[in-house]
Structure formats: C-alpha cells, structure tokens
Amino acid sequence: MASPRIVITYCTQCRWLLRAQWYAGELLQSFEDEIGEVALVPATGGVFRIDVGEVHVWNRKRDGGFPEIADLKRRVRDLIAPGKSLGHADRAAGD
C-alpha cells in the first residue's frame, strides 16, 4: 500500500475532535514515512471510525469504545508497514 490515506471520522455533537486530533498526531509521528495523509472528517450520530484506505481499522460502535493507542498503532502497522517495529507498543502486546 503506497502512501495510504487514513481517515478519522468523529462526532462533533460528542465533541470528539480533540481525541481525533490526538490519534492523528500519534499515527503521523509513528508512521511519518509510511502515511500519505491523515484526514479528520466531522460527522454526527456518535460515530468514531478510523479507516486506512478502504479498510475499517476501528469503529467505536463495532469494537466497543475507543482503541488503546498501542492497539491502534499495531492495527495500522499491520496494514501499511508489517515489518516495522513499534518499540514499546510491540512489547506491551507480548510480541
């Protein structure tokens, strides 16, 4: 997957912009050479979803709440840079 686009869709009614920004910053910092773009998309209705290309990586309603950052980074890494070490995030998973 070349220069993937990550889309974080967040509910404005729930005021989840800061959470979306934080996740975006963490992903950009961890995958600075692998990510082409991170987009923040405002929505309503309690949505909080993270997509990498066409793949739904996280959905608050489907997956139950919000992801731990280490889990999110592992999910994104497995799609865009499978060989990349995540340091502490990998050790926390017992890898």
N, C-alpha and C. Protein backbone atom coordinates (compact mmCIF):
# COMPACT_ATOMS: atom_id res chain seq x y z
N MET A 1 0.86 -1.17 0.00
CA MET A 1 0.00 0.00 0.00
C MET A 1 0.91 1.24 0.00
N ALA A 2 0.88 2.02 -1.05
CA ALA A 2 1.75 3.18 -1.17
C ALA A 2 1.07 4.43 -0.62
N SER A 3 1.74 5.09 0.30
CA SER A 3 1.26 6.36 0.88
C SER A 3 -0.24 6.33 1.19
N PRO A 4 -0.65 5.49 2.11
CA PRO A 4 -2.08 5.37 2.39
C PRO A 4 -2.67 6.62 3.03
N ARG A 5 -3.95 6.75 2.82
CA ARG A 5 -4.73 7.84 3.42
C ARG A 5 -5.47 7.25 4.62
N ILE A 6 -5.30 7.87 5.76
CA ILE A 6 -6.02 7.46 6.96
C ILE A 6 -7.10 8.50 7.22
N VAL A 7 -8.32 8.02 7.45
CA VAL A 7 -9.45 8.91 7.70
C VAL A 7 -9.98 8.63 9.10
N ILE A 8 -10.03 9.67 9.90
CA ILE A 8 -10.61 9.57 11.23
C ILE A 8 -11.91 10.38 11.20
N THR A 9 -13.02 9.67 11.30
CA THR A 9 -14.33 10.29 11.29
C THR A 9 -14.81 10.38 12.73
N TYR A 10 -15.18 11.56 13.17
CA TYR A 10 -15.52 11.78 14.57
C TYR A 10 -16.82 12.56 14.70
N CYS A 11 -17.52 12.36 15.80
CA CYS A 11 -18.79 13.03 16.07
C CYS A 11 -18.55 14.42 16.66
N THR A 12 -19.07 15.43 15.99
CA THR A 12 -18.94 16.80 16.51
C THR A 12 -19.90 17.03 17.68
N GLN A 13 -21.05 16.37 17.66
CA GLN A 13 -22.01 16.52 18.76
C GLN A 13 -21.42 15.98 20.07
N CYS A 14 -20.61 14.93 19.95
CA CYS A 14 -19.98 14.31 21.13
C CYS A 14 -18.70 15.03 21.54
N ARG A 15 -18.26 15.96 20.69
CA ARG A 15 -17.06 16.77 20.96
C ARG A 15 -15.79 15.91 21.00
N TRP A 16 -15.66 15.05 20.01
CA TRP A 16 -14.51 14.14 19.95
C TRP A 16 -13.38 14.64 19.05
N LEU A 17 -13.40 15.91 18.70
CA LEU A 17 -12.34 16.46 17.85
C LEU A 17 -10.96 16.31 18.49
N LEU A 18 -10.82 16.64 19.76
CA LEU A 18 -9.50 16.56 20.40
C LEU A 18 -8.98 15.12 20.42
N ARG A 19 -9.86 14.16 20.64
CA ARG A 19 -9.47 12.76 20.60
C ARG A 19 -8.99 12.38 19.19
N ALA A 20 -9.75 12.82 18.18
CA ALA A 20 -9.37 12.53 16.79
C ALA A 20 -8.02 13.16 16.46
N GLN A 21 -7.79 14.38 16.92
CA GLN A 21 -6.52 15.05 16.67
C GLN A 21 -5.37 14.31 17.34
N TRP A 22 -5.60 13.85 18.54
CA TRP A 22 -4.55 13.13 19.27
C TRP A 22 -4.17 11.85 18.53
N TYR A 23 -5.18 11.06 18.12
CA TYR A 23 -4.89 9.84 17.36
C TYR A 23 -4.15 10.18 16.07
N ALA A 24 -4.57 11.23 15.39
CA ALA A 24 -3.91 11.63 14.15
C ALA A 24 -2.44 11.96 14.40
N GLY A 25 -2.16 12.72 15.43
CA GLY A 25 -0.79 13.08 15.75
C GLY A 25 0.06 11.87 16.10
N GLU A 26 -0.49 10.95 16.87
CA GLU A 26 0.24 9.73 17.23
C GLU A 26 0.56 8.90 15.98
N LEU A 27 -0.40 8.77 15.09
CA LEU A 27 -0.16 7.98 13.87
C LEU A 27 0.86 8.67 12.97
N LEU A 28 0.75 9.98 12.82
CA LEU A 28 1.71 10.71 11.99
C LEU A 28 3.12 10.61 12.55
N GLN A 29 3.24 10.64 13.85
CA GLN A 29 4.57 10.55 14.46
C GLN A 29 5.14 9.14 14.30
N SER A 30 4.33 8.13 14.47
CA SER A 30 4.81 6.75 14.39
C SER A 30 5.07 6.29 12.96
N PHE A 31 4.32 6.83 12.02
CA PHE A 31 4.40 6.36 10.63
C PHE A 31 4.72 7.52 9.68
N GLU A 32 5.65 8.38 10.07
CA GLU A 32 5.93 9.59 9.29
C GLU A 32 6.37 9.30 7.87
N ASP A 33 7.03 8.17 7.64
CA ASP A 33 7.49 7.84 6.29
C ASP A 33 6.50 6.98 5.51
N GLU A 34 5.50 6.44 6.18
CA GLU A 34 4.60 5.50 5.54
C GLU A 34 3.23 6.09 5.18
N ILE A 35 2.82 7.13 5.88
CA ILE A 35 1.48 7.70 5.68
C ILE A 35 1.53 8.83 4.65
N GLY A 36 0.56 8.81 3.75
CA GLY A 36 0.44 9.89 2.78
C GLY A 36 -0.39 11.04 3.29
N GLU A 37 -1.39 10.72 4.12
CA GLU A 37 -2.31 11.75 4.60
C GLU A 37 -3.12 11.20 5.77
N VAL A 38 -3.44 12.09 6.72
CA VAL A 38 -4.43 11.79 7.74
C VAL A 38 -5.49 12.88 7.64
N ALA A 39 -6.72 12.45 7.43
CA ALA A 39 -7.84 13.40 7.30
C ALA A 39 -8.77 13.26 8.50
N LEU A 40 -9.22 14.39 9.01
CA LEU A 40 -10.23 14.41 10.07
C LEU A 40 -11.55 14.81 9.44
N VAL A 41 -12.56 13.95 9.61
CA VAL A 41 -13.85 14.17 8.96
C VAL A 41 -14.93 14.33 10.03
N PRO A 42 -15.51 15.52 10.15
CA PRO A 42 -16.57 15.72 11.12
C PRO A 42 -17.85 14.99 10.70
N ALA A 43 -18.56 14.45 11.69
CA ALA A 43 -19.81 13.75 11.45
C ALA A 43 -20.70 13.93 12.68
N THR A 44 -21.83 13.27 12.69
CA THR A 44 -22.73 13.31 13.84
C THR A 44 -23.21 11.90 14.13
N GLY A 45 -23.98 11.76 15.20
CA GLY A 45 -24.58 10.48 15.50
C GLY A 45 -23.72 9.52 16.30
N GLY A 46 -22.71 10.03 16.99
CA GLY A 46 -21.89 9.17 17.84
C GLY A 46 -20.85 8.36 17.10
N VAL A 47 -20.55 8.74 15.87
CA VAL A 47 -19.58 7.98 15.08
C VAL A 47 -18.15 8.31 15.51
N PHE A 48 -17.33 7.30 15.59
CA PHE A 48 -15.88 7.46 15.71
C PHE A 48 -15.28 6.27 15.00
N ARG A 49 -14.70 6.51 13.83
CA ARG A 49 -14.22 5.45 12.97
C ARG A 49 -12.86 5.84 12.40
N ILE A 50 -12.00 4.84 12.28
CA ILE A 50 -10.68 5.06 11.69
C ILE A 50 -10.53 4.07 10.54
N ASP A 51 -10.28 4.62 9.36
CA ASP A 51 -10.12 3.82 8.15
C ASP A 51 -8.74 4.05 7.54
N VAL A 52 -8.13 2.98 7.07
CA VAL A 52 -6.89 3.06 6.32
C VAL A 52 -7.23 2.60 4.91
N GLY A 53 -7.27 3.57 4.00
CA GLY A 53 -7.76 3.24 2.66
C GLY A 53 -9.20 2.78 2.77
N GLU A 54 -9.48 1.60 2.24
CA GLU A 54 -10.83 1.05 2.29
C GLU A 54 -11.06 0.12 3.48
N VAL A 55 -10.05 -0.05 4.32
CA VAL A 55 -10.13 -0.98 5.45
C VAL A 55 -10.59 -0.25 6.70
N HIS A 56 -11.64 -0.77 7.33
CA HIS A 56 -12.14 -0.21 8.59
C HIS A 56 -11.28 -0.77 9.72
N VAL A 57 -10.39 0.06 10.24
CA VAL A 57 -9.46 -0.36 11.28
C VAL A 57 -10.13 -0.32 12.65
N TRP A 58 -10.94 0.69 12.90
CA TRP A 58 -11.62 0.80 14.19
C TRP A 58 -12.97 1.48 13.99
N ASN A 59 -13.96 0.97 14.68
CA ASN A 59 -15.29 1.57 14.69
C ASN A 59 -15.77 1.51 16.14
N ARG A 60 -16.02 2.66 16.72
CA ARG A 60 -16.40 2.73 18.13
C ARG A 60 -17.59 1.83 18.44
N LYS A 61 -18.58 1.81 17.58
CA LYS A 61 -19.79 1.02 17.84
C LYS A 61 -19.52 -0.47 17.67
N ARG A 62 -18.76 -0.84 16.66
CA ARG A 62 -18.47 -2.25 16.40
C ARG A 62 -17.46 -2.81 17.41
N ASP A 63 -16.42 -2.02 17.69
CA ASP A 63 -15.31 -2.51 18.51
C ASP A 63 -15.44 -2.17 20.00
N GLY A 64 -16.44 -1.40 20.35
CA GLY A 64 -16.67 -1.11 21.76
C GLY A 64 -15.78 -0.03 22.33
N GLY A 65 -16.12 1.22 22.09
CA GLY A 65 -15.37 2.32 22.66
C GLY A 65 -14.25 2.80 21.76
N PHE A 66 -13.19 3.25 22.40
CA PHE A 66 -12.05 3.83 21.68
C PHE A 66 -10.83 2.92 21.84
N PRO A 67 -9.97 2.88 20.82
CA PRO A 67 -8.81 1.98 20.91
C PRO A 67 -7.73 2.52 21.83
N GLU A 68 -7.04 1.61 22.48
CA GLU A 68 -5.79 1.97 23.14
C GLU A 68 -4.82 2.33 22.02
N ILE A 69 -3.98 3.31 22.23
CA ILE A 69 -3.11 3.78 21.15
C ILE A 69 -2.18 2.68 20.65
N ALA A 70 -1.68 1.83 21.54
CA ALA A 70 -0.79 0.75 21.10
C ALA A 70 -1.52 -0.22 20.19
N ASP A 71 -2.77 -0.53 20.51
CA ASP A 71 -3.56 -1.43 19.67
C ASP A 71 -3.82 -0.80 18.31
N LEU A 72 -4.18 0.48 18.30
CA LEU A 72 -4.42 1.17 17.04
C LEU A 72 -3.16 1.18 16.17
N LYS A 73 -2.03 1.49 16.77
CA LYS A 73 -0.78 1.52 16.01
C LYS A 73 -0.45 0.15 15.44
N ARG A 74 -0.68 -0.91 16.20
CA ARG A 74 -0.44 -2.26 15.68
C ARG A 74 -1.34 -2.57 14.50
N ARG A 75 -2.61 -2.21 14.59
CA ARG A 75 -3.56 -2.46 13.50
C ARG A 75 -3.15 -1.71 12.24
N VAL A 76 -2.77 -0.44 12.41
CA VAL A 76 -2.34 0.36 11.26
C VAL A 76 -1.04 -0.20 10.70
N ARG A 77 -0.09 -0.50 11.56
CA ARG A 77 1.20 -1.05 11.13
C ARG A 77 1.01 -2.33 10.32
N ASP A 78 0.13 -3.21 10.79
CA ASP A 78 -0.09 -4.48 10.10
C ASP A 78 -0.59 -4.28 8.68
N LEU A 79 -1.24 -3.15 8.42
CA LEU A 79 -1.73 -2.85 7.07
C LEU A 79 -0.71 -2.13 6.20
N ILE A 80 0.00 -1.17 6.77
CA ILE A 80 0.83 -0.31 5.93
C ILE A 80 2.33 -0.57 6.02
N ALA A 81 2.79 -1.20 7.09
CA ALA A 81 4.24 -1.44 7.27
C ALA A 81 4.45 -2.66 8.16
N PRO A 82 4.07 -3.86 7.68
CA PRO A 82 4.10 -5.06 8.52
C PRO A 82 5.43 -5.36 9.18
N GLY A 83 6.53 -4.97 8.60
CA GLY A 83 7.83 -5.27 9.18
C GLY A 83 8.33 -4.25 10.18
N LYS A 84 7.59 -3.17 10.37
CA LYS A 84 8.04 -2.06 11.22
C LYS A 84 7.89 -2.41 12.70
N SER A 85 8.92 -2.13 13.46
CA SER A 85 8.86 -2.30 14.91
C SER A 85 8.19 -1.08 15.52
N LEU A 86 7.35 -1.33 16.51
CA LEU A 86 6.70 -0.24 17.23
C LEU A 86 7.26 -0.04 18.63
N GLY A 87 8.39 -0.67 18.89
CA GLY A 87 9.04 -0.49 20.19
C GLY A 87 8.17 -0.90 21.35
N HIS A 88 7.86 0.04 22.22
CA HIS A 88 7.08 -0.24 23.43
C HIS A 88 5.72 -0.84 23.11
N ALA A 89 5.09 -0.37 22.04
CA ALA A 89 3.76 -0.86 21.68
C ALA A 89 3.79 -2.34 21.35
N ASP A 90 4.87 -2.81 20.74
CA ASP A 90 5.01 -4.25 20.45
C ASP A 90 5.25 -5.03 21.73
N ARG A 91 6.07 -4.52 22.61
CA ARG A 91 6.38 -5.22 23.86
C ARG A 91 5.13 -5.33 24.74
N ALA A 92 4.28 -4.32 24.71
CA ALA A 92 3.04 -4.35 25.51
C ALA A 92 2.11 -5.46 25.06
N ALA A 93 2.21 -5.85 23.80
CA ALA A 93 1.34 -6.90 23.25
C ALA A 93 1.92 -8.28 23.49
N GLY A 94 3.12 -8.31 24.01
CA GLY A 94 3.77 -9.60 24.25
C GLY A 94 4.45 -10.18 23.03
N ASP A 95 4.67 -9.34 22.02
CA ASP A 95 5.35 -9.78 20.78
C ASP A 95 6.84 -9.89 20.99
